[in-house]
Protein backbone atom coordinates (compact mmCIF):
# COMPACT_ATOMS: atom_id res chain seq x y z
CA MET A 1 -82.65 -79.74 295.63
CA SER A 2 -86.08 -81.21 296.16
CA VAL A 3 -87.80 -82.31 299.35
CA TYR A 4 -90.60 -85.13 299.79
CA VAL A 5 -93.32 -83.73 302.35
CA GLY A 6 -96.00 -86.65 303.21
CA ASN A 7 -98.50 -87.25 305.66
CA LEU A 8 -99.97 -83.89 305.03
CA SER A 9 -103.52 -82.55 305.75
CA TYR A 10 -106.16 -82.50 302.75
CA GLU A 11 -106.57 -78.74 303.43
CA VAL A 12 -103.07 -77.65 303.00
CA THR A 13 -102.54 -75.70 300.12
CA LYS A 14 -99.27 -74.27 298.07
CA GLU A 15 -99.39 -71.23 300.18
CA ASP A 16 -99.18 -73.07 303.47
CA LEU A 17 -96.08 -74.99 302.38
CA GLN A 18 -94.54 -72.06 301.14
CA GLN A 19 -95.04 -69.96 304.19
CA VAL A 20 -93.86 -72.80 306.60
CA PHE A 21 -90.69 -73.74 303.98
CA CYS A 22 -89.67 -70.21 303.52
CA GLU A 23 -88.41 -70.07 307.06
CA TYR A 24 -85.42 -72.62 306.39
CA GLY A 25 -84.63 -70.92 303.37
CA THR A 26 -85.49 -69.97 299.93
CA VAL A 27 -88.55 -71.83 298.34
CA SER A 28 -88.13 -72.23 294.80
CA ARG A 29 -91.16 -74.05 293.27
CA VAL A 30 -94.12 -76.34 295.71
CA SER A 31 -95.70 -79.05 293.74
CA LEU A 32 -99.13 -80.47 295.47
CA PRO A 33 -100.39 -83.11 293.50
CA MET A 34 -104.51 -82.98 293.35
CA ASP A 35 -106.47 -86.15 293.63
CA ARG A 36 -108.37 -86.13 289.87
CA GLU A 37 -111.66 -87.59 291.32
CA THR A 38 -112.01 -85.36 294.44
CA GLY A 39 -110.25 -82.21 293.65
CA ARG A 40 -108.53 -82.36 296.87
CA PRO A 41 -104.82 -82.58 297.75
CA ARG A 42 -103.21 -86.10 297.63
CA GLY A 43 -101.71 -86.06 300.91
CA PHE A 44 -98.41 -85.28 299.74
CA ALA A 45 -96.07 -82.68 298.18
CA PHE A 46 -92.60 -82.14 296.63
CA VAL A 47 -91.12 -78.47 297.70
CA ASP A 48 -87.73 -77.46 295.97
CA MET A 49 -85.40 -75.69 297.98
CA SER A 50 -82.45 -73.44 296.66
CA ALA A 51 -79.43 -75.05 298.39
CA GLU A 52 -78.30 -78.08 299.91
CA ASP A 53 -77.95 -76.56 303.28
CA GLU A 54 -81.36 -75.47 302.95
CA GLU A 55 -82.77 -78.67 302.18
CA THR A 56 -80.89 -80.50 305.32
CA ALA A 57 -81.87 -77.93 307.49
CA VAL A 58 -85.55 -77.82 306.73
CA ILE A 59 -85.25 -82.06 306.68
CA GLU A 60 -83.94 -81.84 310.29
CA ALA A 61 -86.38 -79.21 311.88
CA LEU A 62 -89.50 -80.47 310.04
CA ASP A 63 -89.57 -84.34 309.53
CA GLY A 64 -91.54 -85.72 312.24
CA ALA A 65 -93.09 -82.49 313.33
CA GLU A 66 -96.95 -81.81 313.97
CA TRP A 67 -98.31 -79.49 311.23
CA MET A 68 -102.22 -79.17 310.77
CA GLY A 69 -102.95 -82.22 313.29
CA ARG A 70 -100.87 -84.50 311.27
CA GLU A 71 -97.17 -85.74 311.75
CA MET A 72 -95.16 -84.41 308.69
CA LYS A 73 -92.74 -86.81 306.80
CA VAL A 74 -90.13 -84.95 305.53
CA ASN A 75 -87.18 -86.10 303.50
CA LYS A 76 -84.77 -85.83 300.44
CA ALA A 77 -87.01 -86.73 297.20
CA LYS A 78 -86.03 -89.36 295.10
CA PRO A 79 -85.51 -89.45 291.53
CA ARG A 80 -89.37 -90.42 289.57
CA GLU A 81 -88.39 -94.03 288.21
CA ASN A 82 -89.72 -94.13 284.75
CA SER A 83 -92.39 -97.09 284.66
CA GLY A 84 -93.29 -96.92 280.99
CA GLY A 85 -96.89 -96.10 281.72
CA SER A 86 -98.15 -97.93 278.92
CA GLY A 87 -99.55 -101.06 281.28
CA ARG A 88 -97.66 -103.28 279.37
CA SER A 89 -95.36 -106.15 280.19
CA GLY A 90 -92.53 -105.08 278.26
CA ASN A 91 -92.89 -108.02 275.88
CA GLY A 92 -93.73 -106.52 272.69
CA GLY A 93 -95.76 -107.64 270.02
CA GLY A 94 -99.78 -107.90 270.60
CA GLY A 95 -102.80 -109.57 269.12
CA ASN A 96 -101.87 -113.40 268.49
CA TYR A 97 -98.38 -113.11 267.00
CA ARG A 98 -96.00 -115.64 268.18
CA ARG A 99 -92.51 -116.11 267.29
CA ASN A 100 -91.41 -119.09 265.80
CA THR A 101 -87.74 -120.56 267.16
CA ASN A 102 -87.75 -123.49 265.18
CA TRP A 103 -86.36 -121.80 262.12
């Protein structure tokens, strides 16, 4: 059960999130993505709760709550979409290759 937490302060730590979310159940993991260039948090996190009822409770309690000077956005995390990551359009091929369709 993963929860998305958005609009976080750039000062937040994993420990801060663990402390707040454990009030609503068992936190099994906290993921706080960091910006590669600045080294600071990117302003969002994912928190894994151990049960669905805990996930529901934390969403109801914390979505829209003000914390560290910001209004948190808390909702059920959506599965990650596989974008391919190659930066290609998916047409295949490369170079100057052209498929001859008049055979």
